[in-house]
PDB file of N, CA and C in Angstrom:
ATOM      1  N   MET A   1      14.511   1.741  68.542  1.00  0.00           N
ATOM      2  CA  MET A   1      13.525   1.064  67.729  1.00  0.00           C
ATOM      3  C   MET A   1      14.048  -0.651  67.789  1.00  0.00           C
ATOM      4  N   GLY A   2      12.913  -1.407  67.622  1.00  0.00           N
ATOM      5  CA  GLY A   2      12.871  -2.356  67.883  1.00  0.00           C
ATOM      6  C   GLY A   2      13.704  -2.841  66.982  1.00  0.00           C
ATOM      7  N   LYS A   3      14.073  -4.323  67.359  1.00  0.00           N
ATOM      8  CA  LYS A   3      14.919  -5.537  66.506  1.00  0.00           C
ATOM      9  C   LYS A   3      14.327  -5.829  66.086  1.00  0.00           C
ATOM     10  N   GLY A   4      13.028  -6.181  65.445  1.00  0.00           N
ATOM     11  CA  GLY A   4      12.484  -7.216  64.808  1.00  0.00           C
ATOM     12  C   GLY A   4      12.404  -6.287  63.180  1.00  0.00           C
ATOM     13  N   LEU A   5      12.117  -7.370  62.347  1.00  0.00           N
ATOM     14  CA  LEU A   5      11.834  -7.220  61.175  1.00  0.00           C
ATOM     15  C   LEU A   5       9.784  -6.378  60.860  1.00  0.00           C
ATOM     16  N   SER A   6      10.181  -4.916  60.051  1.00  0.00           N
ATOM     17  CA  SER A   6       9.389  -4.626  59.453  1.00  0.00           C
ATOM     18  C   SER A   6       8.337  -5.212  58.706  1.00  0.00           C
ATOM     19  N   PRO A   7       6.836  -5.357  58.597  1.00  0.00           N
ATOM     20  CA  PRO A   7       5.984  -5.929  57.506  1.00  0.00           C
ATOM     21  C   PRO A   7       6.209  -6.015  56.055  1.00  0.00           C
ATOM     22  N   LEU A   8       7.105  -5.201  55.168  1.00  0.00           N
ATOM     23  CA  LEU A   8       7.373  -4.802  53.995  1.00  0.00           C
ATOM     24  C   LEU A   8       8.927  -5.667  54.487  1.00  0.00           C
ATOM     25  N   GLN A   9       9.998  -5.605  55.211  1.00  0.00           N
ATOM     26  CA  GLN A   9      10.800  -6.548  55.103  1.00  0.00           C
ATOM     27  C   GLN A   9      10.249  -8.487  54.816  1.00  0.00           C
ATOM     28  N   HIS A  10       9.461  -8.698  55.692  1.00  0.00           N
ATOM     29  CA  HIS A  10       9.188 -10.023  56.153  1.00  0.00           C
ATOM     30  C   HIS A  10       8.558 -10.314  54.515  1.00  0.00           C
ATOM     31  N   GLU A  11       7.765  -9.381  53.315  1.00  0.00           N
ATOM     32  CA  GLU A  11       7.504  -9.309  52.573  1.00  0.00           C
ATOM     33  C   GLU A  11       8.702  -9.669  51.128  1.00  0.00           C
ATOM     34  N   ILE A  12       9.446  -8.902  51.906  1.00  0.00           N
ATOM     35  CA  ILE A  12      10.475  -8.934  51.008  1.00  0.00           C
ATOM     36  C   ILE A  12      11.420  -9.857  50.825  1.00  0.00           C
ATOM     37  N   LEU A  13      11.761 -11.186  51.722  1.00  0.00           N
ATOM     38  CA  LEU A  13      12.010 -11.248  52.498  1.00  0.00           C
ATOM     39  C   LEU A  13      11.672 -12.969  51.220  1.00  0.00           C
ATOM     40  N   THR A  14      10.234 -13.102  51.924  1.00  0.00           N
ATOM     41  CA  THR A  14       8.927 -14.304  51.103  1.00  0.00           C
ATOM     42  C   THR A  14       9.375 -14.287  49.625  1.00  0.00           C
ATOM     43  N   ALA A  15       9.613 -13.180  48.433  1.00  0.00           N
ATOM     44  CA  ALA A  15       9.998 -13.101  47.987  1.00  0.00           C
ATOM     45  C   ALA A  15      10.913 -13.268  46.971  1.00  0.00           C
ATOM     46  N   ILE A  16      12.041 -12.397  48.392  1.00  0.00           N
ATOM     47  CA  ILE A  16      13.336 -13.362  47.320  1.00  0.00           C
ATOM     48  C   ILE A  16      13.945 -14.589  47.710  1.00  0.00           C
ATOM     49  N   LYS A  17      13.040 -15.249  49.077  1.00  0.00           N
ATOM     50  CA  LYS A  17      13.477 -16.574  49.283  1.00  0.00           C
ATOM     51  C   LYS A  17      12.731 -17.901  47.734  1.00  0.00           C
ATOM     52  N   ALA A  18      11.312 -17.496  47.501  1.00  0.00           N
ATOM     53  CA  ALA A  18      10.672 -17.907  46.472  1.00  0.00           C
ATOM     54  C   ALA A  18      10.866 -17.793  44.842  1.00  0.00           C
ATOM     55  N   GLN A  19      12.093 -16.333  44.459  1.00  0.00           N
ATOM     56  CA  GLN A  19      12.840 -16.716  43.328  1.00  0.00           C
ATOM     57  C   GLN A  19      14.046 -17.008  43.288  1.00  0.00           C
ATOM     58  N   PRO A  20      14.023 -18.227  42.565  1.00  0.00           N
ATOM     59  CA  PRO A  20      15.929 -17.990  42.710  1.00  0.00           C
ATOM     60  C   PRO A  20      16.737 -16.582  41.705  1.00  0.00           C
ATOM     61  N   GLY A  21      18.196 -16.980  42.257  1.00  0.00           N
ATOM     62  CA  GLY A  21      19.076 -15.987  41.166  1.00  0.00           C
ATOM     63  C   GLY A  21      18.901 -14.262  42.044  1.00  0.00           C
ATOM     64  N   TRP A  22      19.729 -13.768  41.118  1.00  0.00           N
ATOM     65  CA  TRP A  22      19.939 -12.315  41.964  1.00  0.00           C
ATOM     66  C   TRP A  22      18.408 -11.536  40.741  1.00  0.00           C
ATOM     67  N   LEU A  23      17.829 -10.680  41.627  1.00  0.00           N
ATOM     68  CA  LEU A  23      16.586  -9.975  41.168  1.00  0.00           C
ATOM     69  C   LEU A  23      17.051  -8.540  41.418  1.00  0.00           C
ATOM     70  N   ARG A  24      16.109  -7.854  40.801  1.00  0.00           N
ATOM     71  CA  ARG A  24      16.466  -5.943  40.372  1.00  0.00           C
ATOM     72  C   ARG A  24      15.569  -6.125  40.938  1.00  0.00           C
ATOM     73  N   PRO A  25      15.636  -4.745  41.966  1.00  0.00           N
ATOM     74  CA  PRO A  25      14.606  -4.439  42.802  1.00  0.00           C
ATOM     75  C   PRO A  25      13.255  -4.092  42.168  1.00  0.00           C
ATOM     76  N   LYS A  26      13.253  -3.639  40.740  1.00  0.00           N
ATOM     77  CA  LYS A  26      11.601  -3.429  40.192  1.00  0.00           C
ATOM     78  C   LYS A  26      10.567  -5.169  40.254  1.00  0.00           C
ATOM     79  N   VAL A  27      12.027  -6.108  40.699  1.00  0.00           N
ATOM     80  CA  VAL A  27      10.470  -7.593  40.369  1.00  0.00           C
ATOM     81  C   VAL A  27      10.912  -7.364  41.934  1.00  0.00           C
ATOM     82  N   ILE A  28      11.067  -7.049  42.456  1.00  0.00           N
ATOM     83  CA  ILE A  28      11.079  -7.823  44.261  1.00  0.00           C
ATOM     84  C   ILE A  28       9.845  -6.917  44.464  1.00  0.00           C
ATOM     85  N   LEU A  29       9.077  -5.476  43.738  1.00  0.00           N
ATOM     86  CA  LEU A  29       8.639  -4.894  43.619  1.00  0.00           C
ATOM     87  C   LEU A  29       6.685  -5.372  43.099  1.00  0.00           C
ATOM     88  N   ASP A  30       7.148  -5.893  41.894  1.00  0.00           N
ATOM     89  CA  ASP A  30       6.110  -6.194  41.499  1.00  0.00           C
ATOM     90  C   ASP A  30       5.581  -8.213  42.360  1.00  0.00           C
ATOM     91  N   ALA A  31       6.931  -7.950  43.241  1.00  0.00           N
ATOM     92  CA  ALA A  31       6.426  -9.708  43.801  1.00  0.00           C
ATOM     93  C   ALA A  31       6.183  -9.461  44.762  1.00  0.00           C
ATOM     94  N   ILE A  32       6.173  -8.397  45.255  1.00  0.00           N
ATOM     95  CA  ILE A  32       5.169  -8.060  47.011  1.00  0.00           C
ATOM     96  C   ILE A  32       4.059  -7.248  46.697  1.00  0.00           C
ATOM     97  N   GLY A  33       3.957  -7.251  45.195  1.00  0.00           N
ATOM     98  CA  GLY A  33       2.087  -5.974  45.030  1.00  0.00           C
ATOM     99  C   GLY A  33       2.412  -5.117  45.102  1.00  0.00           C
ATOM    100  N   ARG A  34       3.828  -4.288  45.181  1.00  0.00           N
ATOM    101  CA  ARG A  34       3.495  -2.461  45.128  1.00  0.00           C
ATOM    102  C   ARG A  34       3.723  -2.116  43.939  1.00  0.00           C
ATOM    103  N   GLU A  35       3.512  -0.815  43.653  1.00  0.00           N
ATOM    104  CA  GLU A  35       3.490   0.089  42.281  1.00  0.00           C
ATOM    105  C   GLU A  35       4.675   0.555  42.650  1.00  0.00           C
ATOM    106  N   PRO A  36       5.562   0.765  41.300  1.00  0.00           N
ATOM    107  CA  PRO A  36       6.741   1.237  41.424  1.00  0.00           C
ATOM    108  C   PRO A  36       6.528   2.508  41.514  1.00  0.00           C
ATOM    109  N   THR A  37       6.153   3.375  42.366  1.00  0.00           N
ATOM    110  CA  THR A  37       6.397   4.764  42.454  1.00  0.00           C
ATOM    111  C   THR A  37       7.279   5.240  43.378  1.00  0.00           C
ATOM    112  N   ALA A  38       7.593   6.456  43.345  1.00  0.00           N
ATOM    113  CA  ALA A  38       9.241   6.978  43.770  1.00  0.00           C
ATOM    114  C   ALA A  38       8.575   6.629  45.924  1.00  0.00           C
ATOM    115  N   SER A  39       8.265   6.485  46.022  1.00  0.00           N
ATOM    116  CA  SER A  39       8.022   6.222  47.251  1.00  0.00           C
ATOM    117  C   SER A  39       7.964   5.026  47.690  1.00  0.00           C
ATOM    118  N   ASN A  40       7.823   3.677  47.190  1.00  0.00           N
ATOM    119  CA  ASN A  40       7.931   2.319  47.322  1.00  0.00           C
ATOM    120  C   ASN A  40       8.991   1.721  47.009  1.00  0.00           C
ATOM    121  N   ARG A  41       9.681   3.143  45.747  1.00  0.00           N
ATOM    122  CA  ARG A  41      11.236   2.501  45.823  1.00  0.00           C
ATOM    123  C   ARG A  41      11.676   2.580  46.334  1.00  0.00           C
ATOM    124  N   VAL A  42      12.237   4.081  47.490  1.00  0.00           N
ATOM    125  CA  VAL A  42      13.118   3.756  48.940  1.00  0.00           C
ATOM    126  C   VAL A  42      12.453   3.060  49.402  1.00  0.00           C
ATOM    127  N   ALA A  43      11.574   3.444  49.921  1.00  0.00           N
ATOM    128  CA  ALA A  43      10.379   2.226  51.177  1.00  0.00           C
ATOM    129  C   ALA A  43      11.404   0.753  51.238  1.00  0.00           C
ATOM    130  N   LEU A  44      11.294   0.466  50.124  1.00  0.00           N
ATOM    131  CA  LEU A  44      12.230  -1.141  49.459  1.00  0.00           C
ATOM    132  C   LEU A  44      13.542  -0.902  49.387  1.00  0.00           C
ATOM    133  N   SER A  45      14.604   0.123  48.783  1.00  0.00           N
ATOM    134  CA  SER A  45      15.924   0.068  48.858  1.00  0.00           C
ATOM    135  C   SER A  45      16.334   0.456  50.461  1.00  0.00           C
ATOM    136  N   LYS A  46      15.546   1.494  51.256  1.00  0.00           N
ATOM    137  CA  LYS A  46      15.987   1.243  52.417  1.00  0.00           C
ATOM    138  C   LYS A  46      15.142   0.082  53.278  1.00  0.00           C
ATOM    139  N   ALA A  47      14.064  -0.659  53.468  1.00  0.00           N
ATOM    140  CA  ALA A  47      14.519  -2.423  53.598  1.00  0.00           C
ATOM    141  C   ALA A  47      15.096  -3.346  52.903  1.00  0.00           C
ATOM    142  N   LEU A  48      15.643  -2.989  51.614  1.00  0.00           N
ATOM    143  CA  LEU A  48      16.641  -3.747  51.206  1.00  0.00           C
ATOM    144  C   LEU A  48      18.312  -3.627  51.418  1.00  0.00           C
ATOM    145  N   SER A  49      18.341  -2.709  51.946  1.00  0.00           N
ATOM    146  CA  SER A  49      19.855  -2.173  52.684  1.00  0.00           C
ATOM    147  C   SER A  49      19.491  -2.565  54.327  1.00  0.00           C
ATOM    148  N   ARG A  50      18.271  -2.567  54.722  1.00  0.00           N
ATOM    149  CA  ARG A  50      18.730  -3.021  56.208  1.00  0.00           C
ATOM    150  C   ARG A  50      18.401  -4.706  56.616  1.00  0.00           C
ATOM    151  N   LEU A  51      18.251  -4.935  55.465  1.00  0.00           N
ATOM    152  CA  LEU A  51      18.239  -6.161  55.433  1.00  0.00           C
ATOM    153  C   LEU A  51      19.759  -6.787  55.099  1.00  0.00           C
ATOM    154  N   CYS A  52      20.338  -6.615  54.100  1.00  0.00           N
ATOM    155  CA  CYS A  52      21.439  -6.695  54.095  1.00  0.00           C
ATOM    156  C   CYS A  52      22.413  -5.985  55.200  1.00  0.00           C
ATOM    157  N   GLU A  53      22.852  -5.564  55.450  1.00  0.00           N
ATOM    158  CA  GLU A  53      23.561  -4.952  56.425  1.00  0.00           C
ATOM    159  C   GLU A  53      23.790  -6.262  57.947  1.00  0.00           C
ATOM    160  N   ARG A  54      22.358  -6.799  57.716  1.00  0.00           N
ATOM    161  CA  ARG A  54      21.400  -8.221  59.249  1.00  0.00           C
ATOM    162  C   ARG A  54      22.219  -9.687  58.501  1.00  0.00           C
ATOM    163  N   GLY A  55      22.591  -9.272  57.838  1.00  0.00           N
ATOM    164  CA  GLY A  55      23.005 -10.845  56.472  1.00  0.00           C
ATOM    165  C   GLY A  55      21.953 -11.185  56.123  1.00  0.00           C
ATOM    166  N   LEU A  56      21.031 -11.198  55.931  1.00  0.00           N
ATOM    167  CA  LEU A  56      20.034 -11.843  55.250  1.00  0.00           C
ATOM    168  C   LEU A  56      19.663 -11.608  54.119  1.00  0.00           C
ATOM    169  N   VAL A  57      20.112 -11.127  53.075  1.00  0.00           N
ATOM    170  CA  VAL A  57      20.218 -10.733  51.500  1.00  0.00           C
ATOM    171  C   VAL A  57      21.426 -10.173  51.143  1.00  0.00           C
ATOM    172  N   GLU A  58      21.532 -10.788  50.314  1.00  0.00           N
ATOM    173  CA  GLU A  58      22.931 -10.746  49.231  1.00  0.00           C
ATOM    174  C   GLU A  58      22.972  -8.891  48.525  1.00  0.00           C
ATOM    175  N   TRP A  59      23.895  -8.787  48.435  1.00  0.00           N
ATOM    176  CA  TRP A  59      23.456  -8.105  47.319  1.00  0.00           C
ATOM    177  C   TRP A  59      24.658  -7.368  46.507  1.00  0.00           C
ATOM    178  N   ILE A  60      24.233  -7.611  45.725  1.00  0.00           N
ATOM    179  CA  ILE A  60      26.024  -6.869  43.828  1.00  0.00           C
ATOM    180  C   ILE A  60      25.245  -6.204  43.464  1.00  0.00           C
ATOM    181  N   GLN A  61      26.243  -5.144  43.138  1.00  0.00           N
ATOM    182  CA  GLN A  61      26.493  -4.073  41.698  1.00  0.00           C
ATOM    183  C   GLN A  61      26.471  -4.536  40.264  1.00  0.00           C
ATOM    184  N   SER A  62      25.550  -4.255  39.560  1.00  0.00           N
ATOM    185  CA  SER A  62      25.461  -5.014  38.438  1.00  0.00           C
ATOM    186  C   SER A  62      25.916  -3.292  37.676  1.00  0.00           C
ATOM    187  N   GLU A  63      27.017  -3.579  36.728  1.00  0.00           N
ATOM    188  CA  GLU A  63      27.312  -2.383  35.645  1.00  0.00           C
ATOM    189  C   GLU A  63      27.107  -2.836  34.013  1.00  0.00           C
ATOM    190  N   LEU A  64      26.156  -3.633  34.448  1.00  0.00           N
ATOM    191  CA  LEU A  64      25.554  -4.280  32.767  1.00  0.00           C
ATOM    192  C   LEU A  64      24.919  -3.512  32.489  1.00  0.00           C
ATOM    193  N   ALA A  65      23.870  -3.222  33.027  1.00  0.00           N
ATOM    194  CA  ALA A  65      22.722  -2.609  32.417  1.00  0.00           C
ATOM    195  C   ALA A  65      22.599  -0.539  32.551  1.00  0.00           C
ATOM    196  N   ASN A  66      22.509  -0.254  34.281  1.00  0.00           N
ATOM    197  CA  ASN A  66      22.761   0.731  34.131  1.00  0.00           C
ATOM    198  C   ASN A  66      24.487   1.223  35.130  1.00  0.00           C
ATOM    199  N   PRO A  67      25.447   1.529  34.442  1.00  0.00           N
ATOM    200  CA  PRO A  67      26.342   1.552  35.683  1.00  0.00           C
ATOM    201  C   PRO A  67      26.170   2.396  36.678  1.00  0.00           C
ATOM    202  N   GLY A  68      26.772   2.141  38.001  1.00  0.00           N
ATOM    203  CA  GLY A  68      26.514   2.535  39.346  1.00  0.00           C
ATOM    204  C   GLY A  68      25.192   2.807  39.967  1.00  0.00           C
ATOM    205  N   ARG A  69      23.746   2.204  39.409  1.00  0.00           N
ATOM    206  CA  ARG A  69      22.871   1.985  39.994  1.00  0.00           C
ATOM    207  C   ARG A  69      22.084   1.191  39.737  1.00  0.00           C
ATOM    208  N   SER A  70      22.598  -0.404  39.306  1.00  0.00           N
ATOM    209  CA  SER A  70      21.919  -1.365  39.396  1.00  0.00           C
ATOM    210  C   SER A  70      22.352  -2.267  40.265  1.00  0.00           C
ATOM    211  N   TYR A  71      21.592  -1.853  41.202  1.00  0.00           N
ATOM    212  CA  TYR A  71      21.572  -3.718  42.525  1.00  0.00           C
ATOM    213  C   TYR A  71      20.930  -4.612  41.904  1.00  0.00           C
ATOM    214  N   LEU A  72      21.637  -5.334  42.450  1.00  0.00           N
ATOM    215  CA  LEU A  72      21.223  -7.208  42.594  1.00  0.00           C
ATOM    216  C   LEU A  72      20.894  -8.121  43.468  1.00  0.00           C
ATOM    217  N   TYR A  73      19.553  -7.991  44.576  1.00  0.00           N
ATOM    218  CA  TYR A  73      19.742  -9.021  45.473  1.00  0.00           C
ATOM    219  C   TYR A  73      19.487 -10.602  45.259  1.00  0.00           C
ATOM    220  N   ARG A  74      19.854 -10.894  46.275  1.00  0.00           N
ATOM    221  CA  ARG A  74      19.197 -12.500  46.476  1.00  0.00           C
ATOM    222  C   ARG A  74      19.262 -12.725  47.617  1.00  0.00           C
ATOM    223  N   TRP A  75      18.825 -14.228  48.372  1.00  0.00           N
ATOM    224  CA  TRP A  75      18.781 -14.913  49.350  1.00  0.00           C
ATOM    225  C   TRP A  75      20.250 -15.010  49.014  1.00  0.00           C
ATOM    226  N   PRO A  76      20.825 -15.190  50.361  1.00  0.00           N
ATOM    227  CA  PRO A  76      21.997 -15.507  51.176  1.00  0.00           C
ATOM    228  C   PRO A  76      22.760 -17.350  51.008  1.00  0.00           C
ATOM    229  N   ARG A  77      24.263 -17.315  49.975  1.00  0.00           N
ATOM    230  CA  ARG A  77      23.869 -18.779  49.742  1.00  0.00           C
ATOM    231  C   ARG A  77      24.768 -19.161  51.590  1.00  0.00           C
ATOM    232  N   LYS A  78      24.295 -20.761  51.891  1.00  0.00           N
ATOM    233  CA  LYS A  78      24.777 -20.901  52.716  1.00  0.00           C
ATOM    234  C   LYS A  78      26.380 -21.039  52.833  1.00  0.00           C
ATOM    235  N   ALA A  79      27.592 -20.343  54.025  1.00  0.00           N
ATOM    236  CA  ALA A  79      28.780 -20.349  53.886  1.00  0.00           C
ATOM    237  C   ALA A  79      28.725 -21.913  53.836  1.00  0.00           C
ATOM    238  N   SER A  80      30.219 -22.714  53.317  1.00  0.00           N
ATOM    239  CA  SER A  80      30.015 -24.202  53.380  1.00  0.00           C
ATOM    240  C   SER A  80      31.227 -24.039  54.133  1.00  0.00           C
TER     241      SER A  80
END
């Protein structure tokens, strides 16, 4: 596979960069105009995972709303 970003990854980065703070996947799906279907949620999850691996997106796991299942994402902060 190539090392560039997919169209979905570009859409995700644009959406995350435009909204400050931590975002739930549902908010990201809404921001990029995709329905919350099972296939879209899986595609989003895989794309977010790859973006996190590259350091283009930060993530945390939130135990507040749904233990073990709630991940939040944001544009990475610059290291000081």
